[in-house]
C-alpha atoms as a PDB file:
ATOM      1  CA  UNK A   1      -7.882  14.771  15.783  1.00  0.00           C
ATOM      2  CA  UNK A   2      -7.457  11.804  18.103  1.00  0.00           C
ATOM      3  CA  UNK A   3      -7.997   8.507  15.916  1.00  0.00           C
ATOM      4  CA  UNK A   4     -10.433   7.253  18.532  1.00  0.00           C
ATOM      5  CA  UNK A   5     -12.850  10.371  17.611  1.00  0.00           C
ATOM      6  CA  UNK A   6     -13.078   9.109  13.806  1.00  0.00           C
ATOM      7  CA  UNK A   7     -16.768   8.320  13.737  1.00  0.00           C
ATOM      8  CA  UNK A   8     -17.574   8.382  10.001  1.00  0.00           C
ATOM      9  CA  UNK A   9     -16.188   5.305   8.949  1.00  0.00           C
ATOM     10  CA  UNK A  10     -13.202   4.168   6.907  1.00  0.00           C
ATOM     11  CA  UNK A  11     -13.633   3.250   3.163  1.00  0.00           C
ATOM     12  CA  UNK A  12     -11.187   0.405   2.123  1.00  0.00           C
ATOM     13  CA  UNK A  13     -11.009  -0.245  -1.734  1.00  0.00           C
ATOM     14  CA  UNK A  14     -10.086  -3.875  -2.185  1.00  0.00           C
ATOM     15  CA  UNK A  15      -9.438  -5.062  -5.977  1.00  0.00           C
ATOM     16  CA  UNK A  16      -8.858  -8.669  -5.767  1.00  0.00           C
ATOM     17  CA  UNK A  17     -10.151 -11.486  -3.510  1.00  0.00           C
ATOM     18  CA  UNK A  18      -6.592 -12.641  -2.443  1.00  0.00           C
ATOM     19  CA  UNK A  19      -5.510  -9.126  -1.502  1.00  0.00           C
ATOM     20  CA  UNK A  20      -7.711  -8.188   1.640  1.00  0.00           C
ATOM     21  CA  UNK A  21      -7.112  -5.544   4.264  1.00  0.00           C
ATOM     22  CA  UNK A  22      -4.866  -7.841   6.387  1.00  0.00           C
ATOM     23  CA  UNK A  23      -3.325  -6.220   9.369  1.00  0.00           C
ATOM     24  CA  UNK A  24      -5.211  -2.824   8.289  1.00  0.00           C
ATOM     25  CA  UNK A  25      -8.515  -4.474   9.133  1.00  0.00           C
ATOM     26  CA  UNK A  26      -7.135  -5.851  12.413  1.00  0.00           C
ATOM     27  CA  UNK A  27      -5.659  -2.542  13.522  1.00  0.00           C
ATOM     28  CA  UNK A  28      -8.990  -0.723  12.652  1.00  0.00           C
ATOM     29  CA  UNK A  29     -10.759  -3.158  14.828  1.00  0.00           C
ATOM     30  CA  UNK A  30      -8.450  -2.638  17.650  1.00  0.00           C
ATOM     31  CA  UNK A  31      -9.163   0.964  17.437  1.00  0.00           C
ATOM     32  CA  UNK A  32     -12.979   0.368  17.473  1.00  0.00           C
ATOM     33  CA  UNK A  33     -13.242   2.208  14.267  1.00  0.00           C
ATOM     34  CA  UNK A  34     -16.053   1.360  11.548  1.00  0.00           C
ATOM     35  CA  UNK A  35     -14.823   0.302   8.100  1.00  0.00           C
ATOM     36  CA  UNK A  36     -16.257  -1.001   4.826  1.00  0.00           C
ATOM     37  CA  UNK A  37     -14.211  -2.956   2.229  1.00  0.00           C
ATOM     38  CA  UNK A  38     -16.075  -3.597  -1.198  1.00  0.00           C
ATOM     39  CA  UNK A  39     -13.905  -5.993  -3.501  1.00  0.00           C
ATOM     40  CA  UNK A  40     -14.189  -5.543  -6.935  1.00  0.00           C
ATOM     41  CA  UNK A  41     -13.181  -8.649  -8.335  1.00  0.00           C
ATOM     42  CA  UNK A  42     -16.091 -10.376  -6.064  1.00  0.00           C
ATOM     43  CA  UNK A  43     -18.564  -8.116  -7.988  1.00  0.00           C
ATOM     44  CA  UNK A  44     -19.051  -5.554  -5.140  1.00  0.00           C
ATOM     45  CA  UNK A  45     -19.351  -2.022  -6.519  1.00  0.00           C
ATOM     46  CA  UNK A  46     -17.173   0.758  -4.984  1.00  0.00           C
ATOM     47  CA  UNK A  47     -19.343   3.669  -3.682  1.00  0.00           C
ATOM     48  CA  UNK A  48     -20.193   6.580  -6.082  1.00  0.00           C
ATOM     49  CA  UNK A  49     -18.857   9.178  -3.417  1.00  0.00           C
ATOM     50  CA  UNK A  50     -16.352   9.096  -0.468  1.00  0.00           C
ATOM     51  CA  UNK A  51     -18.805  11.541   1.317  1.00  0.00           C
ATOM     52  CA  UNK A  52     -19.998  10.154   4.377  1.00  0.00           C
ATOM     53  CA  UNK A  53     -16.445   8.617   5.191  1.00  0.00           C
ATOM     54  CA  UNK A  54     -13.541   9.936   7.166  1.00  0.00           C
ATOM     55  CA  UNK A  55     -10.601   8.345   5.515  1.00  0.00           C
ATOM     56  CA  UNK A  56      -9.719   6.256   2.313  1.00  0.00           C
ATOM     57  CA  UNK A  57      -7.439   3.221   2.054  1.00  0.00           C
ATOM     58  CA  UNK A  58      -6.623   1.607  -1.137  1.00  0.00           C
ATOM     59  CA  UNK A  59      -5.328  -1.854  -1.015  1.00  0.00           C
ATOM     60  CA  UNK A  60      -2.970  -3.766  -3.601  1.00  0.00           C
ATOM     61  CA  UNK A  61      -3.401  -6.683  -5.873  1.00  0.00           C
ATOM     62  CA  UNK A  62      -2.133  -8.539  -8.899  1.00  0.00           C
ATOM     63  CA  UNK A  63      -3.620  -6.216 -11.526  1.00  0.00           C
ATOM     64  CA  UNK A  64      -1.664  -3.542 -13.218  1.00  0.00           C
ATOM     65  CA  UNK A  65      -2.621   0.116 -12.170  1.00  0.00           C
ATOM     66  CA  UNK A  66      -2.643   0.750 -16.059  1.00  0.00           C
ATOM     67  CA  UNK A  67      -5.149  -1.919 -16.821  1.00  0.00           C
ATOM     68  CA  UNK A  68      -8.293  -0.374 -18.268  1.00  0.00           C
ATOM     69  CA  UNK A  69     -10.643  -1.943 -15.453  1.00  0.00           C
ATOM     70  CA  UNK A  70     -13.637   0.354 -14.766  1.00  0.00           C
ATOM     71  CA  UNK A  71     -13.027  -0.375 -10.892  1.00  0.00           C
ATOM     72  CA  UNK A  72      -9.495   0.976 -11.200  1.00  0.00           C
ATOM     73  CA  UNK A  73     -10.631   4.141 -13.094  1.00  0.00           C
ATOM     74  CA  UNK A  74     -13.541   4.524 -10.133  1.00  0.00           C
ATOM     75  CA  UNK A  75     -10.727   4.093  -7.512  1.00  0.00           C
ATOM     76  CA  UNK A  76      -8.825   7.119  -9.071  1.00  0.00           C
ATOM     77  CA  UNK A  77     -12.140   9.111  -9.329  1.00  0.00           C
ATOM     78  CA  UNK A  78     -12.701   8.530  -5.656  1.00  0.00           C
ATOM     79  CA  UNK A  79      -9.089   9.393  -4.671  1.00  0.00           C
ATOM     80  CA  UNK A  80      -9.269  12.531  -6.452  1.00  0.00           C
ATOM     81  CA  UNK A  81     -12.695  13.462  -4.687  1.00  0.00           C
ATOM     82  CA  UNK A  82     -11.057  12.583  -1.583  1.00  0.00           C
ATOM     83  CA  UNK A  83      -8.132  15.143  -2.269  1.00  0.00           C
ATOM     84  CA  UNK A  84     -10.684  17.683  -3.185  1.00  0.00           C
ATOM     85  CA  UNK A  85     -12.355  17.186   0.202  1.00  0.00           C
ATOM     86  CA  UNK A  86      -9.032  17.015   2.178  1.00  0.00           C
ATOM     87  CA  UNK A  87      -9.622  13.519   3.006  1.00  0.00           C
ATOM     88  CA  UNK A  88      -6.570  11.381   3.855  1.00  0.00           C
ATOM     89  CA  UNK A  89      -5.771   8.594   1.351  1.00  0.00           C
ATOM     90  CA  UNK A  90      -3.290   5.797   2.106  1.00  0.00           C
ATOM     91  CA  UNK A  91      -2.234   3.580  -0.698  1.00  0.00           C
ATOM     92  CA  UNK A  92      -0.719   0.198  -0.301  1.00  0.00           C
ATOM     93  CA  UNK A  93       1.191  -1.214  -3.460  1.00  0.00           C
ATOM     94  CA  UNK A  94      -1.131  -1.290  -6.282  1.00  0.00           C
ATOM     95  CA  UNK A  95      -3.101   1.573  -4.230  1.00  0.00           C
ATOM     96  CA  UNK A  96      -0.179   3.530  -3.897  1.00  0.00           C
ATOM     97  CA  UNK A  97       0.173   3.324  -7.716  1.00  0.00           C
ATOM     98  CA  UNK A  98      -3.500   4.167  -8.265  1.00  0.00           C
ATOM     99  CA  UNK A  99      -2.842   7.414  -5.947  1.00  0.00           C
ATOM    100  CA  UNK A 100      -0.102   8.578  -8.112  1.00  0.00           C
ATOM    101  CA  UNK A 101      -1.930   8.218 -11.057  1.00  0.00           C
ATOM    102  CA  UNK A 102      -4.961   9.880  -9.789  1.00  0.00           C
ATOM    103  CA  UNK A 103      -3.040  12.980  -8.808  1.00  0.00           C
ATOM    104  CA  UNK A 104      -0.741  13.368 -11.960  1.00  0.00           C
ATOM    105  CA  UNK A 105       2.072  10.755 -11.487  1.00  0.00           C
ATOM    106  CA  UNK A 106       2.987   7.541 -13.883  1.00  0.00           C
ATOM    107  CA  UNK A 107       3.160   4.012 -13.145  1.00  0.00           C
ATOM    108  CA  UNK A 108       5.294   1.616 -15.432  1.00  0.00           C
ATOM    109  CA  UNK A 109       6.982  -1.949 -14.852  1.00  0.00           C
ATOM    110  CA  UNK A 110      10.507  -1.858 -13.335  1.00  0.00           C
ATOM    111  CA  UNK A 111      13.427  -3.662 -14.889  1.00  0.00           C
ATOM    112  CA  UNK A 112      13.336  -5.748 -11.926  1.00  0.00           C
ATOM    113  CA  UNK A 113      10.528  -6.857  -9.437  1.00  0.00           C
ATOM    114  CA  UNK A 114      10.794  -6.907  -5.693  1.00  0.00           C
ATOM    115  CA  UNK A 115       9.142  -9.952  -4.254  1.00  0.00           C
ATOM    116  CA  UNK A 116       9.825 -10.728  -0.397  1.00  0.00           C
ATOM    117  CA  UNK A 117      11.311  -9.101   2.710  1.00  0.00           C
ATOM    118  CA  UNK A 118      13.754  -6.498   1.557  1.00  0.00           C
ATOM    119  CA  UNK A 119      14.973  -3.331   3.176  1.00  0.00           C
ATOM    120  CA  UNK A 120      13.736   0.174   2.375  1.00  0.00           C
ATOM    121  CA  UNK A 121      15.703   3.365   3.325  1.00  0.00           C
ATOM    122  CA  UNK A 122      13.567   6.019   5.049  1.00  0.00           C
ATOM    123  CA  UNK A 123      14.719   9.681   4.217  1.00  0.00           C
ATOM    124  CA  UNK A 124      15.853  12.073   6.628  1.00  0.00           C
ATOM    125  CA  UNK A 125      13.249  14.671   6.037  1.00  0.00           C
ATOM    126  CA  UNK A 126      10.688  15.445   8.662  1.00  0.00           C
ATOM    127  CA  UNK A 127       7.917  14.432   6.738  1.00  0.00           C
ATOM    128  CA  UNK A 128       9.527  11.045   5.901  1.00  0.00           C
ATOM    129  CA  UNK A 129      10.266  10.583   9.625  1.00  0.00           C
ATOM    130  CA  UNK A 130       6.520  11.658  10.503  1.00  0.00           C
ATOM    131  CA  UNK A 131       4.989   9.215   8.321  1.00  0.00           C
ATOM    132  CA  UNK A 132       7.455   6.095   8.487  1.00  0.00           C
ATOM    133  CA  UNK A 133       9.542   6.458  11.683  1.00  0.00           C
ATOM    134  CA  UNK A 134      13.329   6.982  12.229  1.00  0.00           C
ATOM    135  CA  UNK A 135      15.492   7.372   9.034  1.00  0.00           C
ATOM    136  CA  UNK A 136      17.550   4.774   7.797  1.00  0.00           C
ATOM    137  CA  UNK A 137      16.858   1.044   6.679  1.00  0.00           C
ATOM    138  CA  UNK A 138      13.586  -0.723   7.673  1.00  0.00           C
ATOM    139  CA  UNK A 139      12.492  -4.147   6.505  1.00  0.00           C
ATOM    140  CA  UNK A 140       9.125  -4.263   4.711  1.00  0.00           C
ATOM    141  CA  UNK A 141       7.385  -6.858   2.458  1.00  0.00           C
ATOM    142  CA  UNK A 142       7.206  -6.455  -1.464  1.00  0.00           C
ATOM    143  CA  UNK A 143       5.396  -8.029  -4.097  1.00  0.00           C
ATOM    144  CA  UNK A 144       5.541  -5.848  -7.158  1.00  0.00           C
ATOM    145  CA  UNK A 145       6.369  -5.535 -10.737  1.00  0.00           C
ATOM    146  CA  UNK A 146       5.358  -2.033 -11.445  1.00  0.00           C
ATOM    147  CA  UNK A 147       5.901   1.077  -9.453  1.00  0.00           C
ATOM    148  CA  UNK A 148       5.193   4.929  -9.514  1.00  0.00           C
ATOM    149  CA  UNK A 149       8.164   6.016 -11.660  1.00  0.00           C
ATOM    150  CA  UNK A 150       6.930   9.623 -11.893  1.00  0.00           C
ATOM    151  CA  UNK A 151       5.409  11.161  -8.924  1.00  0.00           C
ATOM    152  CA  UNK A 152       2.362  13.499  -8.805  1.00  0.00           C
ATOM    153  CA  UNK A 153       3.450  17.311  -8.884  1.00  0.00           C
ATOM    154  CA  UNK A 154       4.509  18.515  -5.303  1.00  0.00           C
ATOM    155  CA  UNK A 155       4.916  14.883  -3.904  1.00  0.00           C
ATOM    156  CA  UNK A 156       8.159  14.108  -1.865  1.00  0.00           C
ATOM    157  CA  UNK A 157      10.006  10.725  -1.837  1.00  0.00           C
ATOM    158  CA  UNK A 158       9.826   9.441   1.598  1.00  0.00           C
ATOM    159  CA  UNK A 159      11.744   6.155   1.069  1.00  0.00           C
ATOM    160  CA  UNK A 160      13.539   4.160  -1.640  1.00  0.00           C
ATOM    161  CA  UNK A 161      15.254   0.814  -2.333  1.00  0.00           C
ATOM    162  CA  UNK A 162      18.292  -0.458  -4.465  1.00  0.00           C
ATOM    163  CA  UNK A 163      15.584  -1.595  -6.998  1.00  0.00           C
ATOM    164  CA  UNK A 164      12.816   0.769  -6.585  1.00  0.00           C
ATOM    165  CA  UNK A 165      13.684   4.546  -6.189  1.00  0.00           C
ATOM    166  CA  UNK A 166      10.186   5.414  -5.125  1.00  0.00           C
ATOM    167  CA  UNK A 167       9.051   3.464  -2.173  1.00  0.00           C
ATOM    168  CA  UNK A 168       6.900   5.822  -0.646  1.00  0.00           C
ATOM    169  CA  UNK A 169       5.685   9.406  -1.275  1.00  0.00           C
ATOM    170  CA  UNK A 170       3.949  12.122   0.617  1.00  0.00           C
ATOM    171  CA  UNK A 171       1.605  14.507  -0.903  1.00  0.00           C
ATOM    172  CA  UNK A 172      -0.407  16.924   1.234  1.00  0.00           C
ATOM    173  CA  UNK A 173      -2.614  14.623   3.725  1.00  0.00           C
ATOM    174  CA  UNK A 174      -1.722  11.398   1.525  1.00  0.00           C
ATOM    175  CA  UNK A 175       0.723   8.433   1.754  1.00  0.00           C
ATOM    176  CA  UNK A 176       1.353   6.213  -1.231  1.00  0.00           C
ATOM    177  CA  UNK A 177       3.649   3.208  -0.410  1.00  0.00           C
ATOM    178  CA  UNK A 178       4.867   0.661  -2.772  1.00  0.00           C
ATOM    179  CA  UNK A 179       5.385  -2.021  -0.166  1.00  0.00           C
ATOM    180  CA  UNK A 180       2.862  -4.269   1.811  1.00  0.00           C
ATOM    181  CA  UNK A 181       2.456  -2.980   5.293  1.00  0.00           C
ATOM    182  CA  UNK A 182      -0.726  -4.548   5.869  1.00  0.00           C
ATOM    183  CA  UNK A 183       0.999  -7.984   5.462  1.00  0.00           C
ATOM    184  CA  UNK A 184       0.107 -10.930   7.746  1.00  0.00           C
ATOM    185  CA  UNK A 185       1.490 -14.460   7.922  1.00  0.00           C
ATOM    186  CA  UNK A 186      -1.826 -15.601   6.174  1.00  0.00           C
ATOM    187  CA  UNK A 187      -1.561 -13.532   3.359  1.00  0.00           C
ATOM    188  CA  UNK A 188       1.868 -14.425   2.813  1.00  0.00           C
ATOM    189  CA  UNK A 189       0.657 -18.110   2.865  1.00  0.00           C
ATOM    190  CA  UNK A 190      -1.973 -17.389   0.438  1.00  0.00           C
ATOM    191  CA  UNK A 191       0.160 -15.804  -2.291  1.00  0.00           C
ATOM    192  CA  UNK A 192       2.819 -18.338  -1.941  1.00  0.00           C
ATOM    193  CA  UNK A 193       0.089 -20.857  -2.696  1.00  0.00           C
ATOM    194  CA  UNK A 194      -0.784 -18.978  -5.648  1.00  0.00           C
ATOM    195  CA  UNK A 195       2.080 -17.015  -6.623  1.00  0.00           C
ATOM    196  CA  UNK A 196       1.133 -16.133 -10.178  1.00  0.00           C
ATOM    197  CA  UNK A 197       2.799 -17.150 -13.498  1.00  0.00           C
ATOM    198  CA  UNK A 198       5.293 -14.273 -13.205  1.00  0.00           C
ATOM    199  CA  UNK A 199       6.788 -15.484  -9.931  1.00  0.00           C
ATOM    200  CA  UNK A 200       9.125 -18.538 -11.007  1.00  0.00           C
ATOM    201  CA  UNK A 201      10.546 -16.617 -13.974  1.00  0.00           C
ATOM    202  CA  UNK A 202      11.262 -13.577 -11.734  1.00  0.00           C
ATOM    203  CA  UNK A 203      12.904 -15.882  -9.135  1.00  0.00           C
ATOM    204  CA  UNK A 204      15.248 -17.376 -11.657  1.00  0.00           C
ATOM    205  CA  UNK A 205      16.043 -14.027 -13.306  1.00  0.00           C
ATOM    206  CA  UNK A 206      16.437 -11.761 -10.304  1.00  0.00           C
ATOM    207  CA  UNK A 207      17.350 -13.822  -7.076  1.00  0.00           C
ATOM    208  CA  UNK A 208      18.791 -10.730  -5.521  1.00  0.00           C
ATOM    209  CA  UNK A 209      15.310  -9.016  -5.546  1.00  0.00           C
ATOM    210  CA  UNK A 210      13.124 -12.061  -5.450  1.00  0.00           C
ATOM    211  CA  UNK A 211      13.017 -14.502  -2.589  1.00  0.00           C
ATOM    212  CA  UNK A 212      12.390 -18.124  -2.539  1.00  0.00           C
ATOM    213  CA  UNK A 213       9.324 -19.382  -0.681  1.00  0.00           C
ATOM    214  CA  UNK A 214      11.420 -20.954   2.128  1.00  0.00           C
ATOM    215  CA  UNK A 215      13.341 -17.686   2.477  1.00  0.00           C
ATOM    216  CA  UNK A 216      10.168 -15.558   2.447  1.00  0.00           C
ATOM    217  CA  UNK A 217       8.576 -17.878   5.012  1.00  0.00           C
ATOM    218  CA  UNK A 218      11.525 -17.811   7.282  1.00  0.00           C
ATOM    219  CA  UNK A 219      11.910 -13.841   6.812  1.00  0.00           C
ATOM    220  CA  UNK A 220       8.185 -13.554   7.780  1.00  0.00           C
ATOM    221  CA  UNK A 221       8.987 -14.851  11.204  1.00  0.00           C
ATOM    222  CA  UNK A 222      12.014 -12.473  11.751  1.00  0.00           C
ATOM    223  CA  UNK A 223      10.568  -9.612  10.499  1.00  0.00           C
ATOM    224  CA  UNK A 224       6.770  -9.451  11.046  1.00  0.00           C
ATOM    225  CA  UNK A 225       6.879  -7.656  14.509  1.00  0.00           C
ATOM    226  CA  UNK A 226       8.884  -4.830  13.109  1.00  0.00           C
ATOM    227  CA  UNK A 227       6.608  -4.551  10.125  1.00  0.00           C
ATOM    228  CA  UNK A 228       3.591  -4.386  12.287  1.00  0.00           C
ATOM    229  CA  UNK A 229       5.101  -1.590  14.539  1.00  0.00           C
ATOM    230  CA  UNK A 230       5.687   0.323  11.671  1.00  0.00           C
ATOM    231  CA  UNK A 231       2.123  -0.309  10.174  1.00  0.00           C
ATOM    232  CA  UNK A 232       0.772   1.052  13.646  1.00  0.00           C
ATOM    233  CA  UNK A 233       2.731   3.979  13.257  1.00  0.00           C
ATOM    234  CA  UNK A 234       1.746   4.746   9.806  1.00  0.00           C
ATOM    235  CA  UNK A 235      -2.038   3.911  10.288  1.00  0.00           C
ATOM    236  CA  UNK A 236      -2.148   6.161  13.362  1.00  0.00           C
ATOM    237  CA  UNK A 237      -0.394   9.240  11.402  1.00  0.00           C
ATOM    238  CA  UNK A 238      -2.750   8.697   8.479  1.00  0.00           C
ATOM    239  CA  UNK A 239      -5.892   9.015  10.729  1.00  0.00           C
ATOM    240  CA  UNK A 240      -4.531  11.988  12.598  1.00  0.00           C
ATOM    241  CA  UNK A 241      -4.965  13.719   9.246  1.00  0.00           C
ATOM    242  CA  UNK A 242      -8.609  13.467   9.299  1.00  0.00           C
END
């Protein structure tokens, strides 16, 4: 299906106030597509069903996928419903972790976090290249302490990194990503203004996988164009699966 024929709207699940749609929202607007992004932290309830939508995107956030929050369990229920209906789901960071959990995978804290601009290696498989583009190294933005350490049954690893073996996975019509392909300069600024209590200790302990404020801002200038080109490719492939 041509992405411009999508007329039922896109549901975007936003968990926390500081982790909005970013470049995803900009791209959907550029395609002339309707989208709705309720935010759980702002007290906006997620829909009871995905019926009436054409596609589902799940954003990131500072919460753990394993937290016992009703909105996270509702997100997983909506993911499972989307899967049963053949609707494509796109998971960003926490959203990718929830996609993995919902379909039978496992999420856990990694020995080392990844924060900042770091390379992933796209696999040589046809599915990896269809979703992510040419094989080999690609620079993407990361901010995570956990990851999907066990993939759902039938899922295929599409990319990995030195710190995180599972950077992206494909399963049927779905894509789960550990990185933030929706990143924008405004989101980087917001996150660095309020980086959370874990950031400073992580930087001191893991300077090889956690960037400083200055390094992160400089890398954003260098790598944003490439990141958004990859995002456009991913988002188009996602909606082609509607």
